């Protein structure tokens, strides 16, 4: 049975496979939204995974500005926002 962690992993794999410019915020929001729809456990998993990912990115030299934008997309998805608000034009429909 899929879990919130599975939803987050699926969004990450899709992001890597899509390799589409300016799509990362969409995949952040989508993974968090999918996980949160599974209930409190999924929401918790999404928050923990998102926070850990952003912490690692900051510690490995990615800008805090990008991390803040990622977290905004993460929270948008977790709080029931539509991930398509972050969808870039031209991203293939399969995503």
PDB file of N, CA and C in Angstrom:
ATOM      1  N   UNK A   1       0.846  -1.188   0.000  1.00  0.00           N
ATOM      2  CA  UNK A   1       0.000   0.000   0.000  1.00  0.00           C
ATOM      3  C   UNK A   1       0.891   1.251   0.000  1.00  0.00           C
ATOM      4  N   UNK A   2       0.654   2.163  -0.916  1.00  0.00           N
ATOM      5  CA  UNK A   2       1.456   3.388  -0.978  1.00  0.00           C
ATOM      6  C   UNK A   2       1.287   4.232   0.285  1.00  0.00           C
ATOM      7  N   UNK A   3       2.315   4.962   0.615  1.00  0.00           N
ATOM      8  CA  UNK A   3       2.318   5.829   1.795  1.00  0.00           C
ATOM      9  C   UNK A   3       2.688   7.253   1.386  1.00  0.00           C
ATOM     10  N   UNK A   4       2.648   8.153   2.367  1.00  0.00           N
ATOM     11  CA  UNK A   4       3.070   9.522   2.100  1.00  0.00           C
ATOM     12  C   UNK A   4       4.511   9.584   1.626  1.00  0.00           C
ATOM     13  N   UNK A   5       5.365   8.744   2.212  1.00  0.00           N
ATOM     14  CA  UNK A   5       6.764   8.712   1.778  1.00  0.00           C
ATOM     15  C   UNK A   5       6.859   8.253   0.327  1.00  0.00           C
ATOM     16  N   UNK A   6       6.011   7.307  -0.054  1.00  0.00           N
ATOM     17  CA  UNK A   6       5.979   6.830  -1.444  1.00  0.00           C
ATOM     18  C   UNK A   6       5.568   7.965  -2.377  1.00  0.00           C
ATOM     19  N   UNK A   7       4.574   8.741  -1.962  1.00  0.00           N
ATOM     20  CA  UNK A   7       4.130   9.877  -2.785  1.00  0.00           C
ATOM     21  C   UNK A   7       5.259  10.875  -3.002  1.00  0.00           C
ATOM     22  N   UNK A   8       6.018  11.130  -1.947  1.00  0.00           N
ATOM     23  CA  UNK A   8       7.136  12.061  -2.052  1.00  0.00           C
ATOM     24  C   UNK A   8       8.207  11.514  -2.992  1.00  0.00           C
ATOM     25  N   UNK A   9       8.493  10.224  -2.871  1.00  0.00           N
ATOM     26  CA  UNK A   9       9.496   9.599  -3.744  1.00  0.00           C
ATOM     27  C   UNK A   9       9.037   9.617  -5.194  1.00  0.00           C
ATOM     28  N   UNK A  10       7.758   9.340  -5.419  1.00  0.00           N
ATOM     29  CA  UNK A  10       7.229   9.335  -6.785  1.00  0.00           C
ATOM     30  C   UNK A  10       7.349  10.724  -7.419  1.00  0.00           C
ATOM     31  N   UNK A  11       7.044  11.765  -6.646  1.00  0.00           N
ATOM     32  CA  UNK A  11       7.161  13.132  -7.174  1.00  0.00           C
ATOM     33  C   UNK A  11       8.618  13.451  -7.510  1.00  0.00           C
ATOM     34  N   UNK A  12       9.543  13.005  -6.664  1.00  0.00           N
ATOM     35  CA  UNK A  12      10.959  13.249  -6.933  1.00  0.00           C
ATOM     36  C   UNK A  12      11.412  12.512  -8.197  1.00  0.00           C
ATOM     37  N   UNK A  13      11.028  11.259  -8.327  1.00  0.00           N
ATOM     38  CA  UNK A  13      11.406  10.473  -9.511  1.00  0.00           C
ATOM     39  C   UNK A  13      10.824  11.113 -10.767  1.00  0.00           C
ATOM     40  N   UNK A  14       9.568  11.540 -10.700  1.00  0.00           N
ATOM     41  CA  UNK A  14       8.954  12.220 -11.847  1.00  0.00           C
ATOM     42  C   UNK A  14       9.698  13.500 -12.190  1.00  0.00           C
ATOM     43  N   UNK A  15      10.126  14.245 -11.178  1.00  0.00           N
ATOM     44  CA  UNK A  15      10.862  15.487 -11.426  1.00  0.00           C
ATOM     45  C   UNK A  15      12.174  15.201 -12.155  1.00  0.00           C
ATOM     46  N   UNK A  16      12.872  14.169 -11.697  1.00  0.00           N
ATOM     47  CA  UNK A  16      14.147  13.808 -12.331  1.00  0.00           C
ATOM     48  C   UNK A  16      13.899  13.337 -13.768  1.00  0.00           C
ATOM     49  N   UNK A  17      12.895  12.507 -13.966  1.00  0.00           N
ATOM     50  CA  UNK A  17      12.602  12.003 -15.311  1.00  0.00           C
ATOM     51  C   UNK A  17      12.136  13.114 -16.239  1.00  0.00           C
ATOM     52  N   UNK A  18      11.314  14.023 -15.735  1.00  0.00           N
ATOM     53  CA  UNK A  18      10.819  15.122 -16.568  1.00  0.00           C
ATOM     54  C   UNK A  18      11.968  16.022 -16.993  1.00  0.00           C
ATOM     55  N   UNK A  19      12.906  16.267 -16.071  1.00  0.00           N
ATOM     56  CA  UNK A  19      14.052  17.112 -16.376  1.00  0.00           C
ATOM     57  C   UNK A  19      13.604  18.372 -17.117  1.00  0.00           C
ATOM     58  N   UNK A  20      12.590  19.018 -16.545  1.00  0.00           N
ATOM     59  CA  UNK A  20      11.955  20.158 -17.191  1.00  0.00           C
ATOM     60  C   UNK A  20      12.259  21.426 -16.410  1.00  0.00           C
ATOM     61  N   UNK A  21      12.772  22.416 -17.108  1.00  0.00           N
ATOM     62  CA  UNK A  21      13.174  23.668 -16.481  1.00  0.00           C
ATOM     63  C   UNK A  21      12.013  24.324 -15.731  1.00  0.00           C
ATOM     64  N   UNK A  22      12.317  24.843 -14.555  1.00  0.00           N
ATOM     65  CA  UNK A  22      11.358  25.585 -13.728  1.00  0.00           C
ATOM     66  C   UNK A  22      10.182  24.727 -13.235  1.00  0.00           C
ATOM     67  N   UNK A  23      10.378  23.408 -13.133  1.00  0.00           N
ATOM     68  CA  UNK A  23       9.276  22.541 -12.693  1.00  0.00           C
ATOM     69  C   UNK A  23       9.421  22.072 -11.253  1.00  0.00           C
ATOM     70  N   UNK A  24      10.534  22.379 -10.610  1.00  0.00           N
ATOM     71  CA  UNK A  24      10.766  21.795  -9.285  1.00  0.00           C
ATOM     72  C   UNK A  24       9.711  22.199  -8.267  1.00  0.00           C
ATOM     73  N   UNK A  25       9.243  23.430  -8.296  1.00  0.00           N
ATOM     74  CA  UNK A  25       8.231  23.864  -7.321  1.00  0.00           C
ATOM     75  C   UNK A  25       6.922  23.095  -7.523  1.00  0.00           C
ATOM     76  N   UNK A  26       6.586  22.811  -8.771  1.00  0.00           N
ATOM     77  CA  UNK A  26       5.388  22.006  -9.048  1.00  0.00           C
ATOM     78  C   UNK A  26       5.519  20.625  -8.398  1.00  0.00           C
ATOM     79  N   UNK A  27       6.660  19.975  -8.581  1.00  0.00           N
ATOM     80  CA  UNK A  27       6.840  18.637  -8.028  1.00  0.00           C
ATOM     81  C   UNK A  27       6.901  18.661  -6.500  1.00  0.00           C
ATOM     82  N   UNK A  28       7.446  19.728  -5.931  1.00  0.00           N
ATOM     83  CA  UNK A  28       7.422  19.886  -4.478  1.00  0.00           C
ATOM     84  C   UNK A  28       5.970  19.944  -3.998  1.00  0.00           C
ATOM     85  N   UNK A  29       5.191  20.810  -4.620  1.00  0.00           N
ATOM     86  CA  UNK A  29       3.789  20.967  -4.218  1.00  0.00           C
ATOM     87  C   UNK A  29       3.009  19.681  -4.446  1.00  0.00           C
ATOM     88  N   UNK A  30       3.244  19.014  -5.568  1.00  0.00           N
ATOM     89  CA  UNK A  30       2.498  17.792  -5.883  1.00  0.00           C
ATOM     90  C   UNK A  30       2.797  16.671  -4.894  1.00  0.00           C
ATOM     91  N   UNK A  31       4.074  16.453  -4.602  1.00  0.00           N
ATOM     92  CA  UNK A  31       4.429  15.398  -3.652  1.00  0.00           C
ATOM     93  C   UNK A  31       3.808  15.632  -2.287  1.00  0.00           C
ATOM     94  N   UNK A  32       3.877  16.874  -1.824  1.00  0.00           N
ATOM     95  CA  UNK A  32       3.292  17.211  -0.531  1.00  0.00           C
ATOM     96  C   UNK A  32       1.777  17.082  -0.544  1.00  0.00           C
ATOM     97  N   UNK A  33       1.139  17.510  -1.621  1.00  0.00           N
ATOM     98  CA  UNK A  33      -0.317  17.403  -1.719  1.00  0.00           C
ATOM     99  C   UNK A  33      -0.759  15.945  -1.735  1.00  0.00           C
ATOM    100  N   UNK A  34      -0.092  15.138  -2.534  1.00  0.00           N
ATOM    101  CA  UNK A  34      -0.458  13.714  -2.606  1.00  0.00           C
ATOM    102  C   UNK A  34      -0.294  13.045  -1.247  1.00  0.00           C
ATOM    103  N   UNK A  35       0.812  13.323  -0.580  1.00  0.00           N
ATOM    104  CA  UNK A  35       1.069  12.709   0.731  1.00  0.00           C
ATOM    105  C   UNK A  35       0.042  13.181   1.761  1.00  0.00           C
ATOM    106  N   UNK A  36      -0.248  14.471   1.771  1.00  0.00           N
ATOM    107  CA  UNK A  36      -1.175  15.027   2.759  1.00  0.00           C
ATOM    108  C   UNK A  36      -2.585  14.472   2.592  1.00  0.00           C
ATOM    109  N   UNK A  37      -2.950  14.093   1.362  1.00  0.00           N
ATOM    110  CA  UNK A  37      -4.285  13.530   1.131  1.00  0.00           C
ATOM    111  C   UNK A  37      -4.461  12.177   1.810  1.00  0.00           C
ATOM    112  N   UNK A  38      -3.383  11.581   2.271  1.00  0.00           N
ATOM    113  CA  UNK A  38      -3.462  10.288   2.959  1.00  0.00           C
ATOM    114  C   UNK A  38      -3.768  10.446   4.445  1.00  0.00           C
ATOM    115  N   UNK A  39      -3.901  11.671   4.910  1.00  0.00           N
ATOM    116  CA  UNK A  39      -4.224  11.901   6.312  1.00  0.00           C
ATOM    117  C   UNK A  39      -3.032  12.449   7.078  1.00  0.00           C
ATOM    118  N   UNK A  40      -3.178  12.466   8.391  1.00  0.00           N
ATOM    119  CA  UNK A  40      -2.154  13.072   9.235  1.00  0.00           C
ATOM    120  C   UNK A  40      -0.786  12.393   9.097  1.00  0.00           C
ATOM    121  N   UNK A  41      -0.761  11.075   8.925  1.00  0.00           N
ATOM    122  CA  UNK A  41       0.515  10.377   8.749  1.00  0.00           C
ATOM    123  C   UNK A  41       1.217  10.799   7.476  1.00  0.00           C
ATOM    124  N   UNK A  42       0.452  10.940   6.407  1.00  0.00           N
ATOM    125  CA  UNK A  42       1.028  11.389   5.144  1.00  0.00           C
ATOM    126  C   UNK A  42       1.495  12.823   5.214  1.00  0.00           C
ATOM    127  N   UNK A  43       0.718  13.644   5.885  1.00  0.00           N
ATOM    128  CA  UNK A  43       1.090  15.053   6.049  1.00  0.00           C
ATOM    129  C   UNK A  43       2.386  15.152   6.855  1.00  0.00           C
ATOM    130  N   UNK A  44       2.473  14.355   7.917  1.00  0.00           N
ATOM    131  CA  UNK A  44       3.670  14.339   8.753  1.00  0.00           C
ATOM    132  C   UNK A  44       4.886  13.893   7.930  1.00  0.00           C
ATOM    133  N   UNK A  45       4.717  12.813   7.164  1.00  0.00           N
ATOM    134  CA  UNK A  45       5.832  12.314   6.342  1.00  0.00           C
ATOM    135  C   UNK A  45       6.281  13.382   5.351  1.00  0.00           C
ATOM    136  N   UNK A  46       5.341  14.054   4.721  1.00  0.00           N
ATOM    137  CA  UNK A  46       5.676  15.096   3.750  1.00  0.00           C
ATOM    138  C   UNK A  46       6.466  16.223   4.410  1.00  0.00           C
ATOM    139  N   UNK A  47       6.040  16.625   5.599  1.00  0.00           N
ATOM    140  CA  UNK A  47       6.729  17.719   6.282  1.00  0.00           C
ATOM    141  C   UNK A  47       8.146  17.316   6.688  1.00  0.00           C
ATOM    142  N   UNK A  48       8.288  16.118   7.250  1.00  0.00           N
ATOM    143  CA  UNK A  48       9.611  15.647   7.683  1.00  0.00           C
ATOM    144  C   UNK A  48      10.555  15.501   6.488  1.00  0.00           C
ATOM    145  N   UNK A  49      10.077  14.879   5.426  1.00  0.00           N
ATOM    146  CA  UNK A  49      10.910  14.673   4.235  1.00  0.00           C
ATOM    147  C   UNK A  49      11.278  16.015   3.598  1.00  0.00           C
ATOM    148  N   UNK A  50      10.313  16.910   3.490  1.00  0.00           N
ATOM    149  CA  UNK A  50      10.576  18.229   2.899  1.00  0.00           C
ATOM    150  C   UNK A  50      11.595  19.013   3.713  1.00  0.00           C
ATOM    151  N   UNK A  51      11.421  19.014   5.021  1.00  0.00           N
ATOM    152  CA  UNK A  51      12.359  19.757   5.878  1.00  0.00           C
ATOM    153  C   UNK A  51      13.756  19.161   5.794  1.00  0.00           C
ATOM    154  N   UNK A  52      13.853  17.844   5.780  1.00  0.00           N
ATOM    155  CA  UNK A  52      15.167  17.198   5.684  1.00  0.00           C
ATOM    156  C   UNK A  52      15.828  17.516   4.349  1.00  0.00           C
ATOM    157  N   UNK A  53      15.068  17.460   3.288  1.00  0.00           N
ATOM    158  CA  UNK A  53      15.613  17.737   1.959  1.00  0.00           C
ATOM    159  C   UNK A  53      16.134  19.167   1.880  1.00  0.00           C
ATOM    160  N   UNK A  54      15.369  20.103   2.402  1.00  0.00           N
ATOM    161  CA  UNK A  54      15.798  21.509   2.338  1.00  0.00           C
ATOM    162  C   UNK A  54      17.004  21.752   3.242  1.00  0.00           C
ATOM    163  N   UNK A  55      17.065  21.091   4.385  1.00  0.00           N
ATOM    164  CA  UNK A  55      18.213  21.219   5.280  1.00  0.00           C
ATOM    165  C   UNK A  55      19.483  20.738   4.581  1.00  0.00           C
ATOM    166  N   UNK A  56      19.390  19.587   3.915  1.00  0.00           N
ATOM    167  CA  UNK A  56      20.551  19.042   3.202  1.00  0.00           C
ATOM    168  C   UNK A  56      20.967  19.990   2.082  1.00  0.00           C
ATOM    169  N   UNK A  57      20.009  20.508   1.329  1.00  0.00           N
ATOM    170  CA  UNK A  57      20.354  21.421   0.238  1.00  0.00           C
ATOM    171  C   UNK A  57      21.055  22.667   0.760  1.00  0.00           C
ATOM    172  N   UNK A  58      20.571  23.216   1.858  1.00  0.00           N
ATOM    173  CA  UNK A  58      21.217  24.407   2.417  1.00  0.00           C
ATOM    174  C   UNK A  58      22.635  24.097   2.879  1.00  0.00           C
ATOM    175  N   UNK A  59      22.816  22.947   3.504  1.00  0.00           N
ATOM    176  CA  UNK A  59      24.136  22.574   4.027  1.00  0.00           C
ATOM    177  C   UNK A  59      25.125  22.222   2.913  1.00  0.00           C
ATOM    178  N   UNK A  60      24.617  21.890   1.725  1.00  0.00           N
ATOM    179  CA  UNK A  60      25.503  21.526   0.619  1.00  0.00           C
ATOM    180  C   UNK A  60      25.675  22.669  -0.377  1.00  0.00           C
ATOM    181  N   UNK A  61      25.282  23.883   0.045  1.00  0.00           N
ATOM    182  CA  UNK A  61      25.595  25.045  -0.771  1.00  0.00           C
ATOM    183  C   UNK A  61      24.489  25.572  -1.657  1.00  0.00           C
ATOM    184  N   UNK A  62      23.296  24.997  -1.607  1.00  0.00           N
ATOM    185  CA  UNK A  62      22.182  25.577  -2.362  1.00  0.00           C
ATOM    186  C   UNK A  62      21.683  26.789  -1.596  1.00  0.00           C
ATOM    187  N   UNK A  63      21.233  27.785  -2.296  1.00  0.00           N
ATOM    188  CA  UNK A  63      20.846  29.033  -1.662  1.00  0.00           C
ATOM    189  C   UNK A  63      19.647  28.919  -0.750  1.00  0.00           C
ATOM    190  N   UNK A  64      19.658  29.723   0.300  1.00  0.00           N
ATOM    191  CA  UNK A  64      18.527  29.717   1.227  1.00  0.00           C
ATOM    192  C   UNK A  64      17.297  30.337   0.580  1.00  0.00           C
ATOM    193  N   UNK A  65      17.509  31.194  -0.413  1.00  0.00           N
ATOM    194  CA  UNK A  65      16.380  31.786  -1.128  1.00  0.00           C
ATOM    195  C   UNK A  65      15.595  30.709  -1.870  1.00  0.00           C
ATOM    196  N   UNK A  66      16.297  29.795  -2.525  1.00  0.00           N
ATOM    197  CA  UNK A  66      15.633  28.700  -3.227  1.00  0.00           C
ATOM    198  C   UNK A  66      14.959  27.762  -2.230  1.00  0.00           C
ATOM    199  N   UNK A  67      15.612  27.523  -1.096  1.00  0.00           N
ATOM    200  CA  UNK A  67      15.025  26.661  -0.067  1.00  0.00           C
ATOM    201  C   UNK A  67      13.725  27.261   0.450  1.00  0.00           C
ATOM    202  N   UNK A  68      13.696  28.568   0.629  1.00  0.00           N
ATOM    203  CA  UNK A  68      12.475  29.234   1.104  1.00  0.00           C
ATOM    204  C   UNK A  68      11.356  29.103   0.070  1.00  0.00           C
ATOM    205  N   UNK A  69      11.694  29.242  -1.201  1.00  0.00           N
ATOM    206  CA  UNK A  69      10.697  29.090  -2.262  1.00  0.00           C
ATOM    207  C   UNK A  69      10.203  27.639  -2.336  1.00  0.00           C
ATOM    208  N   UNK A  70      11.114  26.692  -2.149  1.00  0.00           N
ATOM    209  CA  UNK A  70      10.719  25.279  -2.117  1.00  0.00           C
ATOM    210  C   UNK A  70       9.757  25.033  -0.960  1.00  0.00           C
ATOM    211  N   UNK A  71      10.075  25.577   0.211  1.00  0.00           N
ATOM    212  CA  UNK A  71       9.229  25.361   1.380  1.00  0.00           C
ATOM    213  C   UNK A  71       7.848  25.985   1.181  1.00  0.00           C
ATOM    214  N   UNK A  72       7.792  27.107   0.496  1.00  0.00           N
ATOM    215  CA  UNK A  72       6.493  27.729   0.202  1.00  0.00           C
ATOM    216  C   UNK A  72       5.656  26.788  -0.659  1.00  0.00           C
ATOM    217  N   UNK A  73       6.275  26.180  -1.674  1.00  0.00           N
ATOM    218  CA  UNK A  73       5.566  25.221  -2.524  1.00  0.00           C
ATOM    219  C   UNK A  73       5.179  23.980  -1.726  1.00  0.00           C
ATOM    220  N   UNK A  74       6.077  23.509  -0.849  1.00  0.00           N
ATOM    221  CA  UNK A  74       5.780  22.350  -0.005  1.00  0.00           C
ATOM    222  C   UNK A  74       4.543  22.614   0.847  1.00  0.00           C
ATOM    223  N   UNK A  75       4.527  23.750   1.521  1.00  0.00           N
ATOM    224  CA  UNK A  75       3.411  24.101   2.400  1.00  0.00           C
ATOM    225  C   UNK A  75       2.121  24.289   1.611  1.00  0.00           C
ATOM    226  N   UNK A  76       2.229  24.872   0.431  1.00  0.00           N
ATOM    227  CA  UNK A  76       1.067  25.051  -0.436  1.00  0.00           C
ATOM    228  C   UNK A  76       0.405  23.698  -0.710  1.00  0.00           C
ATOM    229  N   UNK A  77       1.203  22.717  -1.092  1.00  0.00           N
ATOM    230  CA  UNK A  77       0.668  21.391  -1.366  1.00  0.00           C
ATOM    231  C   UNK A  77       0.129  20.712  -0.118  1.00  0.00           C
ATOM    232  N   UNK A  78       0.866  20.777   0.975  1.00  0.00           N
ATOM    233  CA  UNK A  78       0.439  20.140   2.234  1.00  0.00           C
ATOM    234  C   UNK A  78      -0.851  20.726   2.768  1.00  0.00           C
ATOM    235  N   UNK A  79      -1.058  22.019   2.522  1.00  0.00           N
ATOM    236  CA  UNK A  79      -2.238  22.706   3.056  1.00  0.00           C
ATOM    237  C   UNK A  79      -3.428  22.677   2.108  1.00  0.00           C
ATOM    238  N   UNK A  80      -3.381  21.811   1.102  1.00  0.00           N
ATOM    239  CA  UNK A  80      -4.523  21.636   0.211  1.00  0.00           C
ATOM    240  C   UNK A  80      -4.521  22.511  -1.019  1.00  0.00           C
ATOM    241  N   UNK A  81      -3.442  23.250  -1.241  1.00  0.00           N
ATOM    242  CA  UNK A  81      -3.355  24.075  -2.444  1.00  0.00           C
ATOM    243  C   UNK A  81      -3.178  23.221  -3.688  1.00  0.00           C
ATOM    244  N   UNK A  82      -3.560  23.746  -4.811  1.00  0.00           N
ATOM    245  CA  UNK A  82      -3.465  23.039  -6.084  1.00  0.00           C
ATOM    246  C   UNK A  82      -2.025  23.087  -6.597  1.00  0.00           C
ATOM    247  N   UNK A  83      -1.366  21.934  -6.746  1.00  0.00           N
ATOM    248  CA  UNK A  83       0.002  21.923  -7.273  1.00  0.00           C
ATOM    249  C   UNK A  83       0.122  22.585  -8.644  1.00  0.00           C
ATOM    250  N   UNK A  84      -0.969  22.572  -9.398  1.00  0.00           N
ATOM    251  CA  UNK A  84      -0.928  23.175 -10.729  1.00  0.00           C
ATOM    252  C   UNK A  84      -0.703  24.681 -10.694  1.00  0.00           C
ATOM    253  N   UNK A  85      -0.853  25.275  -9.509  1.00  0.00           N
ATOM    254  CA  UNK A  85      -0.514  26.700  -9.375  1.00  0.00           C
ATOM    255  C   UNK A  85       0.969  26.917  -9.672  1.00  0.00           C
ATOM    256  N   UNK A  86       1.776  25.868  -9.516  1.00  0.00           N
ATOM    257  CA  UNK A  86       3.219  25.936  -9.754  1.00  0.00           C
ATOM    258  C   UNK A  86       3.635  25.248 -11.059  1.00  0.00           C
ATOM    259  N   UNK A  87       2.684  24.732 -11.784  1.00  0.00           N
ATOM    260  CA  UNK A  87       2.997  23.969 -13.005  1.00  0.00           C
ATOM    261  C   UNK A  87       3.522  24.897 -14.101  1.00  0.00           C
ATOM    262  N   UNK A  88       4.704  24.618 -14.636  1.00  0.00           N
ATOM    263  CA  UNK A  88       5.215  25.462 -15.713  1.00  0.00           C
ATOM    264  C   UNK A  88       4.524  25.138 -17.036  1.00  0.00           C
ATOM    265  N   UNK A  89       4.389  26.151 -17.856  1.00  0.00           N
ATOM    266  CA  UNK A  89       3.810  25.953 -19.179  1.00  0.00           C
ATOM    267  C   UNK A  89       4.639  24.952 -19.962  1.00  0.00           C
ATOM    268  N   UNK A  90       3.974  24.028 -20.613  1.00  0.00           N
ATOM    269  CA  UNK A  90       4.660  23.079 -21.471  1.00  0.00           C
ATOM    270  C   UNK A  90       5.101  21.781 -20.796  1.00  0.00           C
ATOM    271  N   UNK A  91       4.944  21.680 -19.469  1.00  0.00           N
ATOM    272  CA  UNK A  91       5.288  20.429 -18.792  1.00  0.00           C
ATOM    273  C   UNK A  91       4.393  19.325 -19.343  1.00  0.00           C
ATOM    274  N   UNK A  92       4.951  18.196 -19.797  1.00  0.00           N
ATOM    275  CA  UNK A  92       4.119  17.141 -20.377  1.00  0.00           C
ATOM    276  C   UNK A  92       2.962  16.734 -19.459  1.00  0.00           C
ATOM    277  N   UNK A  93       1.814  16.465 -20.060  1.00  0.00           N
ATOM    278  CA  UNK A  93       0.588  16.148 -19.319  1.00  0.00           C
ATOM    279  C   UNK A  93       0.718  14.913 -18.431  1.00  0.00           C
ATOM    280  N   UNK A  94       1.639  13.990 -18.750  1.00  0.00           N
ATOM    281  CA  UNK A  94       1.751  12.785 -17.945  1.00  0.00           C
ATOM    282  C   UNK A  94       2.192  13.085 -16.510  1.00  0.00           C
ATOM    283  N   UNK A  95       2.689  14.300 -16.263  1.00  0.00           N
ATOM    284  CA  UNK A  95       3.082  14.704 -14.920  1.00  0.00           C
ATOM    285  C   UNK A  95       1.996  15.545 -14.288  1.00  0.00           C
TER     286      UNK A  95
END
